[in-house]
All heavy atoms as atom14 arrays in JSON, in Angstrom:
{
  "sequence": "AGQVFMNFQWDFMLLEAGFLAIFLPWGSPVIVWLMHWLLFRVRFQSGV",
  "atom14_mask": [
    [1, 1, 1, 1, 1, 0, 0, 0, 0, 0, 0, 0, 0, 0],
    [1, 1, 1, 1, 0, 0, 0, 0, 0, 0, 0, 0, 0, 0],
    [1, 1, 1, 1, 1, 1, 1, 1, 1, 0, 0, 0, 0, 0],
    [1, 1, 1, 1, 1, 1, 1, 0, 0, 0, 0, 0, 0, 0],
    [1, 1, 1, 1, 1, 1, 1, 1, 1, 1, 1, 0, 0, 0],
    [1, 1, 1, 1, 1, 1, 1, 1, 0, 0, 0, 0, 0, 0],
    [1, 1, 1, 1, 1, 1, 1, 1, 0, 0, 0, 0, 0, 0],
    [1, 1, 1, 1, 1, 1, 1, 1, 1, 1, 1, 0, 0, 0],
    [1, 1, 1, 1, 1, 1, 1, 1, 1, 0, 0, 0, 0, 0],
    [1, 1, 1, 1, 1, 1, 1, 1, 1, 1, 1, 1, 1, 1],
    [1, 1, 1, 1, 1, 1, 1, 1, 0, 0, 0, 0, 0, 0],
    [1, 1, 1, 1, 1, 1, 1, 1, 1, 1, 1, 0, 0, 0],
    [1, 1, 1, 1, 1, 1, 1, 1, 0, 0, 0, 0, 0, 0],
    [1, 1, 1, 1, 1, 1, 1, 1, 0, 0, 0, 0, 0, 0],
    [1, 1, 1, 1, 1, 1, 1, 1, 0, 0, 0, 0, 0, 0],
    [1, 1, 1, 1, 1, 1, 1, 1, 1, 0, 0, 0, 0, 0],
    [1, 1, 1, 1, 1, 0, 0, 0, 0, 0, 0, 0, 0, 0],
    [1, 1, 1, 1, 0, 0, 0, 0, 0, 0, 0, 0, 0, 0],
    [1, 1, 1, 1, 1, 1, 1, 1, 1, 1, 1, 0, 0, 0],
    [1, 1, 1, 1, 1, 1, 1, 1, 0, 0, 0, 0, 0, 0],
    [1, 1, 1, 1, 1, 0, 0, 0, 0, 0, 0, 0, 0, 0],
    [1, 1, 1, 1, 1, 1, 1, 1, 0, 0, 0, 0, 0, 0],
    [1, 1, 1, 1, 1, 1, 1, 1, 1, 1, 1, 0, 0, 0],
    [1, 1, 1, 1, 1, 1, 1, 1, 0, 0, 0, 0, 0, 0],
    [1, 1, 1, 1, 1, 1, 1, 0, 0, 0, 0, 0, 0, 0],
    [1, 1, 1, 1, 1, 1, 1, 1, 1, 1, 1, 1, 1, 1],
    [1, 1, 1, 1, 0, 0, 0, 0, 0, 0, 0, 0, 0, 0],
    [1, 1, 1, 1, 1, 1, 0, 0, 0, 0, 0, 0, 0, 0],
    [1, 1, 1, 1, 1, 1, 1, 0, 0, 0, 0, 0, 0, 0],
    [1, 1, 1, 1, 1, 1, 1, 0, 0, 0, 0, 0, 0, 0],
    [1, 1, 1, 1, 1, 1, 1, 1, 0, 0, 0, 0, 0, 0],
    [1, 1, 1, 1, 1, 1, 1, 0, 0, 0, 0, 0, 0, 0],
    [1, 1, 1, 1, 1, 1, 1, 1, 1, 1, 1, 1, 1, 1],
    [1, 1, 1, 1, 1, 1, 1, 1, 0, 0, 0, 0, 0, 0],
    [1, 1, 1, 1, 1, 1, 1, 1, 0, 0, 0, 0, 0, 0],
    [1, 1, 1, 1, 1, 1, 1, 1, 1, 1, 0, 0, 0, 0],
    [1, 1, 1, 1, 1, 1, 1, 1, 1, 1, 1, 1, 1, 1],
    [1, 1, 1, 1, 1, 1, 1, 1, 0, 0, 0, 0, 0, 0],
    [1, 1, 1, 1, 1, 1, 1, 1, 0, 0, 0, 0, 0, 0],
    [1, 1, 1, 1, 1, 1, 1, 1, 1, 1, 1, 0, 0, 0],
    [1, 1, 1, 1, 1, 1, 1, 1, 1, 1, 1, 0, 0, 0],
    [1, 1, 1, 1, 1, 1, 1, 0, 0, 0, 0, 0, 0, 0],
    [1, 1, 1, 1, 1, 1, 1, 1, 1, 1, 1, 0, 0, 0],
    [1, 1, 1, 1, 1, 1, 1, 1, 1, 1, 1, 0, 0, 0],
    [1, 1, 1, 1, 1, 1, 1, 1, 1, 0, 0, 0, 0, 0],
    [1, 1, 1, 1, 1, 1, 0, 0, 0, 0, 0, 0, 0, 0],
    [1, 1, 1, 1, 0, 0, 0, 0, 0, 0, 0, 0, 0, 0],
    [1, 1, 1, 1, 1, 1, 1, 0, 0, 0, 0, 0, 0, 0]
  ],
  "atom14_positions": [
    [[-7.75, 3.85, -16.33], [-8.61, 4.94, -16.78], [-8.12, 5.51, -18.1], [-8.93, 5.91, -18.95], [-8.66, 6.03, -15.71], [0.0, 0.0, 0.0], [0.0, 0.0, 0.0], [0.0, 0.0, 0.0], [0.0, 0.0, 0.0], [0.0, 0.0, 0.0], [0.0, 0.0, 0.0], [0.0, 0.0, 0.0], [0.0, 0.0, 0.0], [0.0, 0.0, 0.0]],
    [[-6.79, 5.56, -18.28], [-6.23, 6.16, -19.49], [-6.38, 5.33, -20.74], [-6.12, 5.82, -21.84], [0.0, 0.0, 0.0], [0.0, 0.0, 0.0], [0.0, 0.0, 0.0], [0.0, 0.0, 0.0], [0.0, 0.0, 0.0], [0.0, 0.0, 0.0], [0.0, 0.0, 0.0], [0.0, 0.0, 0.0], [0.0, 0.0, 0.0], [0.0, 0.0, 0.0]],
    [[-6.78, 4.06, -20.59], [-7.04, 3.18, -21.74], [-5.83, 3.16, -22.68], [-4.7, 2.95, -22.23], [-8.33, 3.62, -22.43], [-9.54, 3.62, -21.5], [-10.71, 4.4, -22.04], [-11.35, 4.01, -23.03], [-11.04, 5.51, -21.4], [0.0, 0.0, 0.0], [0.0, 0.0, 0.0], [0.0, 0.0, 0.0], [0.0, 0.0, 0.0], [0.0, 0.0, 0.0]],
    [[-6.03, 3.37, -23.95], [-4.93, 3.26, -24.92], [-3.86, 4.32, -24.68], [-2.69, 4.12, -25.03], [-5.47, 3.36, -26.36], [-5.97, 4.77, -26.67], [-4.43, 2.93, -27.38], [0.0, 0.0, 0.0], [0.0, 0.0, 0.0], [0.0, 0.0, 0.0], [0.0, 0.0, 0.0], [0.0, 0.0, 0.0], [0.0, 0.0, 0.0], [0.0, 0.0, 0.0]],
    [[-4.2, 5.43, -24.04], [-3.24, 6.5, -23.82], [-2.27, 6.22, -22.66], [-1.29, 6.94, -22.5], [-3.99, 7.82, -23.55], [-4.84, 8.26, -24.7], [-6.23, 8.19, -24.62], [-4.28, 8.7, -25.88], [-7.03, 8.58, -25.68], [-5.07, 9.09, -26.96], [-6.45, 9.02, -26.86], [0.0, 0.0, 0.0], [0.0, 0.0, 0.0], [0.0, 0.0, 0.0]],
    [[-2.58, 5.2, -21.87], [-1.67, 4.82, -20.78], [-1.16, 3.38, -20.96], [-0.7, 2.76, -20.0], [-2.39, 4.95, -19.42], [-2.65, 6.38, -19.0], [-1.16, 7.24, -18.43], [-1.08, 6.69, -16.73], [0.0, 0.0, 0.0], [0.0, 0.0, 0.0], [0.0, 0.0, 0.0], [0.0, 0.0, 0.0], [0.0, 0.0, 0.0], [0.0, 0.0, 0.0]],
    [[-1.23, 2.89, -22.16], [-0.85, 1.51, -22.44], [0.61, 1.43, -22.89], [0.91, 1.02, -24.01], [-1.79, 0.93, -23.51], [-1.62, -0.56, -23.67], [-1.25, -1.26, -22.73], [-1.86, -1.06, -24.87], [0.0, 0.0, 0.0], [0.0, 0.0, 0.0], [0.0, 0.0, 0.0], [0.0, 0.0, 0.0], [0.0, 0.0, 0.0], [0.0, 0.0, 0.0]],
    [[1.51, 1.86, -22.01], [2.93, 1.9, -22.35], [3.73, 1.09, -21.34], [3.37, 1.01, -20.17], [3.44, 3.34, -22.38], [2.88, 4.15, -23.51], [1.74, 4.93, -23.33], [3.47, 4.13, -24.76], [1.21, 5.66, -24.38], [2.94, 4.87, -25.82], [1.82, 5.63, -25.62], [0.0, 0.0, 0.0], [0.0, 0.0, 0.0], [0.0, 0.0, 0.0]],
    [[4.84, 0.52, -21.8], [5.64, -0.35, -20.94], [6.21, 0.39, -19.73], [6.38, -0.19, -18.66], [6.77, -0.98, -21.76], [6.28, -1.96, -22.8], [7.41, -2.56, -23.6], [8.24, -3.28, -23.07], [7.45, -2.25, -24.88], [0.0, 0.0, 0.0], [0.0, 0.0, 0.0], [0.0, 0.0, 0.0], [0.0, 0.0, 0.0], [0.0, 0.0, 0.0]],
    [[6.53, 1.69, -19.9], [7.09, 2.42, -18.76], [6.05, 2.67, -17.69], [6.39, 2.77, -16.51], [7.73, 3.73, -19.23], [7.04, 4.38, -20.38], [6.01, 5.26, -20.34], [7.35, 4.19, -21.76], [5.65, 5.65, -21.6], [6.46, 5.01, -22.5], [8.29, 3.42, -22.45], [6.48, 5.08, -23.89], [8.32, 3.48, -23.82], [7.41, 4.3, -24.53]],
    [[4.76, 2.77, -18.08], [3.72, 2.87, -17.07], [3.65, 1.58, -16.26], [3.51, 1.6, -15.04], [2.37, 3.16, -17.73], [2.32, 4.52, -18.4], [2.77, 5.5, -17.78], [1.84, 4.61, -19.54], [0.0, 0.0, 0.0], [0.0, 0.0, 0.0], [0.0, 0.0, 0.0], [0.0, 0.0, 0.0], [0.0, 0.0, 0.0], [0.0, 0.0, 0.0]],
    [[3.74, 0.45, -16.95], [3.72, -0.85, -16.27], [4.98, -1.03, -15.42], [4.93, -1.59, -14.32], [3.6, -1.98, -17.28], [2.45, -1.83, -18.25], [2.49, -2.42, -19.5], [1.33, -1.09, -17.91], [1.45, -2.28, -20.4], [0.27, -0.94, -18.81], [0.33, -1.54, -20.05], [0.0, 0.0, 0.0], [0.0, 0.0, 0.0], [0.0, 0.0, 0.0]],
    [[6.1, -0.58, -15.95], [7.37, -0.7, -15.22], [7.33, 0.12, -13.93], [7.82, -0.31, -12.88], [8.5, -0.22, -16.12], [9.89, -0.35, -15.55], [11.09, 0.25, -16.77], [12.57, 0.3, -15.79], [0.0, 0.0, 0.0], [0.0, 0.0, 0.0], [0.0, 0.0, 0.0], [0.0, 0.0, 0.0], [0.0, 0.0, 0.0], [0.0, 0.0, 0.0]],
    [[6.73, 1.31, -13.99], [6.61, 2.13, -12.79], [5.72, 1.44, -11.76], [6.0, 1.48, -10.55], [6.04, 3.51, -13.15], [5.81, 4.48, -11.98], [7.11, 4.7, -11.2], [5.27, 5.82, -12.49], [0.0, 0.0, 0.0], [0.0, 0.0, 0.0], [0.0, 0.0, 0.0], [0.0, 0.0, 0.0], [0.0, 0.0, 0.0], [0.0, 0.0, 0.0]],
    [[4.65, 0.8, -12.23], [3.78, 0.07, -11.3], [4.5, -1.1, -10.66], [4.37, -1.34, -9.46], [2.53, -0.42, -12.04], [1.47, 0.64, -12.35], [0.38, 0.07, -13.23], [0.89, 1.21, -11.06], [0.0, 0.0, 0.0], [0.0, 0.0, 0.0], [0.0, 0.0, 0.0], [0.0, 0.0, 0.0], [0.0, 0.0, 0.0], [0.0, 0.0, 0.0]],
    [[5.27, -1.85, -11.46], [5.98, -3.0, -10.9], [7.03, -2.54, -9.9], [7.16, -3.12, -8.81], [6.62, -3.81, -12.03], [7.14, -5.15, -11.56], [7.52, -6.08, -12.69], [7.16, -5.82, -13.85], [8.21, -7.09, -12.41], [0.0, 0.0, 0.0], [0.0, 0.0, 0.0], [0.0, 0.0, 0.0], [0.0, 0.0, 0.0], [0.0, 0.0, 0.0]],
    [[7.78, -1.51, -10.24], [8.76, -0.98, -9.3], [8.07, -0.37, -8.08], [8.55, -0.52, -6.94], [9.63, 0.08, -9.99], [0.0, 0.0, 0.0], [0.0, 0.0, 0.0], [0.0, 0.0, 0.0], [0.0, 0.0, 0.0], [0.0, 0.0, 0.0], [0.0, 0.0, 0.0], [0.0, 0.0, 0.0], [0.0, 0.0, 0.0], [0.0, 0.0, 0.0]],
    [[6.93, 0.29, -8.31], [6.2, 0.89, -7.2], [5.63, -0.14, -6.25], [5.6, 0.08, -5.03], [0.0, 0.0, 0.0], [0.0, 0.0, 0.0], [0.0, 0.0, 0.0], [0.0, 0.0, 0.0], [0.0, 0.0, 0.0], [0.0, 0.0, 0.0], [0.0, 0.0, 0.0], [0.0, 0.0, 0.0], [0.0, 0.0, 0.0], [0.0, 0.0, 0.0]],
    [[5.19, -1.28, -6.79], [4.69, -2.35, -5.92], [5.82, -2.91, -5.05], [5.67, -3.07, -3.84], [4.07, -3.46, -6.76], [3.7, -4.68, -5.96], [2.6, -4.67, -5.12], [4.47, -5.83, -6.03], [2.27, -5.79, -4.36], [4.15, -6.96, -5.28], [3.05, -6.93, -4.44], [0.0, 0.0, 0.0], [0.0, 0.0, 0.0], [0.0, 0.0, 0.0]],
    [[6.96, -3.21, -5.66], [8.09, -3.73, -4.88], [8.56, -2.71, -3.85], [8.98, -3.07, -2.74], [9.23, -4.11, -5.81], [8.98, -5.28, -6.77], [10.17, -5.49, -7.68], [8.66, -6.55, -5.99], [0.0, 0.0, 0.0], [0.0, 0.0, 0.0], [0.0, 0.0, 0.0], [0.0, 0.0, 0.0], [0.0, 0.0, 0.0], [0.0, 0.0, 0.0]],
    [[8.48, -1.42, -4.22], [8.95, -0.37, -3.31], [8.12, -0.3, -2.03], [8.59, 0.2, -1.01], [8.93, 0.98, -4.02], [0.0, 0.0, 0.0], [0.0, 0.0, 0.0], [0.0, 0.0, 0.0], [0.0, 0.0, 0.0], [0.0, 0.0, 0.0], [0.0, 0.0, 0.0], [0.0, 0.0, 0.0], [0.0, 0.0, 0.0], [0.0, 0.0, 0.0]],
    [[6.89, -0.81, -2.07], [6.06, -0.82, -0.86], [6.76, -1.57, 0.27], [6.63, -1.22, 1.45], [4.69, -1.48, -1.18], [3.89, -0.59, -2.15], [3.89, -1.72, 0.1], [2.61, -1.24, -2.66], [0.0, 0.0, 0.0], [0.0, 0.0, 0.0], [0.0, 0.0, 0.0], [0.0, 0.0, 0.0], [0.0, 0.0, 0.0], [0.0, 0.0, 0.0]],
    [[7.56, -2.58, -0.09], [8.22, -3.42, 0.91], [9.64, -2.94, 1.23], [10.25, -3.45, 2.17], [8.26, -4.87, 0.42], [6.91, -5.42, 0.06], [6.46, -5.38, -1.25], [6.08, -5.95, 1.04], [5.21, -5.88, -1.58], [4.83, -6.45, 0.71], [4.38, -6.41, -0.61], [0.0, 0.0, 0.0], [0.0, 0.0, 0.0], [0.0, 0.0, 0.0]],
    [[10.16, -2.0, 0.46], [11.54, -1.55, 0.67], [11.79, -0.9, 2.03], [12.86, -1.09, 2.62], [11.96, -0.59, -0.43], [12.64, -1.19, -1.66], [13.03, -0.09, -2.64], [13.87, -2.01, -1.28], [0.0, 0.0, 0.0], [0.0, 0.0, 0.0], [0.0, 0.0, 0.0], [0.0, 0.0, 0.0], [0.0, 0.0, 0.0], [0.0, 0.0, 0.0]],
    [[10.86, -0.1, 2.58], [11.13, 0.54, 3.87], [11.38, -0.44, 5.01], [11.83, -0.03, 6.08], [9.87, 1.37, 4.12], [9.31, 1.63, 2.77], [9.6, 0.4, 1.99], [0.0, 0.0, 0.0], [0.0, 0.0, 0.0], [0.0, 0.0, 0.0], [0.0, 0.0, 0.0], [0.0, 0.0, 0.0], [0.0, 0.0, 0.0], [0.0, 0.0, 0.0]],
    [[11.09, -1.72, 4.8], [11.35, -2.72, 5.84], [12.79, -3.22, 5.77], [13.23, -3.96, 6.65], [10.37, -3.88, 5.71], [8.95, -3.45, 5.82], [8.1, -3.17, 4.79], [8.22, -3.2, 7.02], [6.87, -2.77, 5.27], [6.91, -2.78, 6.64], [8.53, -3.29, 8.38], [5.94, -2.45, 7.58], [7.55, -2.96, 9.31], [6.27, -2.55, 8.92]],
    [[13.52, -2.82, 4.72], [14.95, -3.07, 4.67], [15.38, -4.45, 4.22], [16.57, -4.78, 4.33], [0.0, 0.0, 0.0], [0.0, 0.0, 0.0], [0.0, 0.0, 0.0], [0.0, 0.0, 0.0], [0.0, 0.0, 0.0], [0.0, 0.0, 0.0], [0.0, 0.0, 0.0], [0.0, 0.0, 0.0], [0.0, 0.0, 0.0], [0.0, 0.0, 0.0]],
    [[14.48, -5.28, 3.73], [14.85, -6.65, 3.37], [15.7, -6.67, 2.1], [15.31, -6.11, 1.07], [13.6, -7.51, 3.15], [13.97, -8.79, 2.64], [0.0, 0.0, 0.0], [0.0, 0.0, 0.0], [0.0, 0.0, 0.0], [0.0, 0.0, 0.0], [0.0, 0.0, 0.0], [0.0, 0.0, 0.0], [0.0, 0.0, 0.0], [0.0, 0.0, 0.0]],
    [[16.85, -7.33, 2.12], [17.67, -7.44, 0.91], [17.0, -8.27, -0.18], [17.37, -8.18, -1.35], [18.96, -8.12, 1.41], [18.56, -8.83, 2.66], [17.48, -8.0, 3.27], [0.0, 0.0, 0.0], [0.0, 0.0, 0.0], [0.0, 0.0, 0.0], [0.0, 0.0, 0.0], [0.0, 0.0, 0.0], [0.0, 0.0, 0.0], [0.0, 0.0, 0.0]],
    [[16.01, -9.07, 0.19], [15.29, -9.86, -0.81], [14.55, -8.94, -1.77], [14.51, -9.18, -2.98], [14.29, -10.83, -0.13], [13.53, -11.64, -1.17], [15.02, -11.74, 0.84], [0.0, 0.0, 0.0], [0.0, 0.0, 0.0], [0.0, 0.0, 0.0], [0.0, 0.0, 0.0], [0.0, 0.0, 0.0], [0.0, 0.0, 0.0], [0.0, 0.0, 0.0]],
    [[13.97, -7.86, -1.26], [13.25, -6.92, -2.12], [14.23, -6.16, -3.01], [13.94, -5.89, -4.18], [12.42, -5.93, -1.26], [11.44, -6.71, -0.37], [11.67, -4.97, -2.16], [10.46, -7.58, -1.12], [0.0, 0.0, 0.0], [0.0, 0.0, 0.0], [0.0, 0.0, 0.0], [0.0, 0.0, 0.0], [0.0, 0.0, 0.0], [0.0, 0.0, 0.0]],
    [[15.4, -5.85, -2.47], [16.43, -5.22, -3.31], [16.8, -6.15, -4.46], [16.94, -5.72, -5.61], [17.68, -4.87, -2.46], [18.79, -4.33, -3.36], [17.32, -3.85, -1.39], [0.0, 0.0, 0.0], [0.0, 0.0, 0.0], [0.0, 0.0, 0.0], [0.0, 0.0, 0.0], [0.0, 0.0, 0.0], [0.0, 0.0, 0.0], [0.0, 0.0, 0.0]],
    [[16.95, -7.44, -4.16], [17.25, -8.41, -5.21], [16.12, -8.46, -6.25], [16.39, -8.6, -7.45], [17.46, -9.8, -4.6], [17.89, -10.81, -5.63], [19.15, -11.12, -6.01], [17.01, -11.63, -6.43], [19.13, -12.07, -7.01], [17.83, -12.4, -7.28], [15.63, -11.78, -6.52], [17.31, -13.32, -8.2], [15.1, -12.68, -7.43], [15.93, -13.44, -8.25]],
    [[14.88, -8.34, -5.82], [13.76, -8.34, -6.77], [13.81, -7.12, -7.69], [13.4, -7.2, -8.85], [12.43, -8.38, -6.02], [12.01, -9.74, -5.46], [10.74, -9.61, -4.64], [11.83, -10.76, -6.57], [0.0, 0.0, 0.0], [0.0, 0.0, 0.0], [0.0, 0.0, 0.0], [0.0, 0.0, 0.0], [0.0, 0.0, 0.0], [0.0, 0.0, 0.0]],
    [[14.31, -6.01, -7.19], [14.52, -4.84, -8.05], [15.59, -5.15, -9.09], [15.48, -4.74, -10.25], [14.92, -3.63, -7.2], [13.81, -3.06, -6.35], [12.52, -2.26, -7.33], [11.6, -1.41, -6.03], [0.0, 0.0, 0.0], [0.0, 0.0, 0.0], [0.0, 0.0, 0.0], [0.0, 0.0, 0.0], [0.0, 0.0, 0.0], [0.0, 0.0, 0.0]],
    [[16.63, -5.89, -8.69], [17.64, -6.33, -9.66], [16.99, -7.22, -10.71], [17.3, -7.11, -11.91], [18.75, -7.11, -8.96], [19.52, -6.3, -7.96], [20.49, -6.87, -7.14], [19.49, -4.98, -7.64], [21.0, -5.93, -6.36], [20.4, -4.79, -6.65], [0.0, 0.0, 0.0], [0.0, 0.0, 0.0], [0.0, 0.0, 0.0], [0.0, 0.0, 0.0]],
    [[16.1, -8.09, -10.27], [15.4, -9.01, -11.17], [14.54, -8.22, -12.17], [14.45, -8.57, -13.35], [14.57, -9.97, -10.34], [13.7, -10.93, -11.09], [12.34, -11.02, -11.02], [14.11, -11.96, -12.0], [11.88, -12.03, -11.83], [12.95, -12.63, -12.44], [15.35, -12.38, -12.49], [12.98, -13.68, -13.34], [15.39, -13.43, -13.4], [14.22, -14.07, -13.81]],
    [[13.9, -7.17, -11.7], [13.11, -6.31, -12.59], [13.99, -5.65, -13.62], [13.68, -5.65, -14.82], [12.37, -5.25, -11.77], [11.66, -4.14, -12.56], [10.64, -4.72, -13.53], [11.01, -3.14, -11.61], [0.0, 0.0, 0.0], [0.0, 0.0, 0.0], [0.0, 0.0, 0.0], [0.0, 0.0, 0.0], [0.0, 0.0, 0.0], [0.0, 0.0, 0.0]],
    [[15.11, -5.08, -13.19], [16.03, -4.44, -14.13], [16.54, -5.46, -15.15], [16.61, -5.16, -16.35], [17.21, -3.82, -13.38], [18.29, -3.16, -14.23], [17.72, -1.99, -15.03], [19.45, -2.7, -13.35], [0.0, 0.0, 0.0], [0.0, 0.0, 0.0], [0.0, 0.0, 0.0], [0.0, 0.0, 0.0], [0.0, 0.0, 0.0], [0.0, 0.0, 0.0]],
    [[16.88, -6.66, -14.69], [17.34, -7.71, -15.6], [16.28, -8.0, -16.65], [16.58, -8.1, -17.85], [17.66, -8.98, -14.8], [17.87, -10.19, -15.66], [19.08, -10.42, -16.28], [16.83, -11.1, -15.87], [19.27, -11.53, -17.1], [17.0, -12.22, -16.67], [18.24, -12.43, -17.28], [0.0, 0.0, 0.0], [0.0, 0.0, 0.0], [0.0, 0.0, 0.0]],
    [[15.03, -8.16, -16.22], [13.97, -8.52, -17.18], [13.71, -7.41, -18.18], [13.5, -7.67, -19.37], [12.69, -8.88, -16.43], [12.78, -10.22, -15.72], [11.45, -10.65, -15.14], [11.03, -9.81, -14.04], [9.97, -9.04, -14.05], [9.2, -8.95, -15.12], [9.65, -8.31, -12.98], [0.0, 0.0, 0.0], [0.0, 0.0, 0.0], [0.0, 0.0, 0.0]],
    [[13.69, -6.17, -17.72], [13.47, -5.05, -18.63], [14.53, -5.02, -19.73], [14.22, -4.87, -20.92], [13.47, -3.71, -17.86], [13.47, -2.53, -18.83], [12.25, -3.63, -16.95], [0.0, 0.0, 0.0], [0.0, 0.0, 0.0], [0.0, 0.0, 0.0], [0.0, 0.0, 0.0], [0.0, 0.0, 0.0], [0.0, 0.0, 0.0], [0.0, 0.0, 0.0]],
    [[15.78, -5.22, -19.35], [16.88, -5.14, -20.31], [16.98, -6.41, -21.16], [17.05, -6.34, -22.38], [18.2, -4.9, -19.57], [18.19, -3.67, -18.67], [18.04, -2.39, -19.47], [19.2, -2.18, -20.31], [19.18, -1.55, -21.47], [18.04, -1.11, -21.95], [20.29, -1.39, -22.17], [0.0, 0.0, 0.0], [0.0, 0.0, 0.0], [0.0, 0.0, 0.0]],
    [[16.98, -7.56, -20.51], [17.22, -8.81, -21.23], [16.03, -9.16, -22.13], [16.21, -9.6, -23.28], [17.49, -9.95, -20.25], [17.89, -11.23, -20.93], [19.07, -11.33, -21.65], [17.07, -12.36, -20.84], [19.44, -12.52, -22.27], [17.43, -13.55, -21.46], [18.61, -13.63, -22.17], [0.0, 0.0, 0.0], [0.0, 0.0, 0.0], [0.0, 0.0, 0.0]],
    [[14.8, -8.98, -21.65], [13.64, -9.27, -22.47], [13.6, -8.39, -23.72], [13.18, -8.84, -24.79], [12.36, -9.08, -21.67], [12.07, -10.21, -20.69], [10.75, -10.0, -19.97], [10.65, -9.19, -19.05], [9.73, -10.72, -20.37], [0.0, 0.0, 0.0], [0.0, 0.0, 0.0], [0.0, 0.0, 0.0], [0.0, 0.0, 0.0], [0.0, 0.0, 0.0]],
    [[14.06, -7.16, -23.59], [14.1, -6.27, -24.76], [15.08, -6.8, -25.8], [14.82, -6.74, -27.0], [14.48, -4.85, -24.33], [13.49, -4.3, -23.49], [0.0, 0.0, 0.0], [0.0, 0.0, 0.0], [0.0, 0.0, 0.0], [0.0, 0.0, 0.0], [0.0, 0.0, 0.0], [0.0, 0.0, 0.0], [0.0, 0.0, 0.0], [0.0, 0.0, 0.0]],
    [[16.23, -7.31, -25.34], [17.2, -7.88, -26.27], [16.68, -9.13, -26.94], [16.82, -9.31, -28.16], [0.0, 0.0, 0.0], [0.0, 0.0, 0.0], [0.0, 0.0, 0.0], [0.0, 0.0, 0.0], [0.0, 0.0, 0.0], [0.0, 0.0, 0.0], [0.0, 0.0, 0.0], [0.0, 0.0, 0.0], [0.0, 0.0, 0.0], [0.0, 0.0, 0.0]],
    [[16.05, -10.03, -26.15], [15.51, -11.26, -26.72], [14.4, -10.94, -27.72], [14.29, -11.57, -28.78], [14.99, -12.17, -25.6], [14.24, -13.37, -26.18], [16.13, -12.65, -24.73], [0.0, 0.0, 0.0], [0.0, 0.0, 0.0], [0.0, 0.0, 0.0], [0.0, 0.0, 0.0], [0.0, 0.0, 0.0], [0.0, 0.0, 0.0], [0.0, 0.0, 0.0]]
  ]
}
């Protein structure tokens, strides 16, 4: 809805983290690892 005013990487990052968080209450370490993968991509992709 926000169009160009919501077209920021942190908005997308919150959505990606928020989607993975849907599965966190089930306690699976796989989802925790996916959060690590998200952090890795945010940091490493910025450097590349």
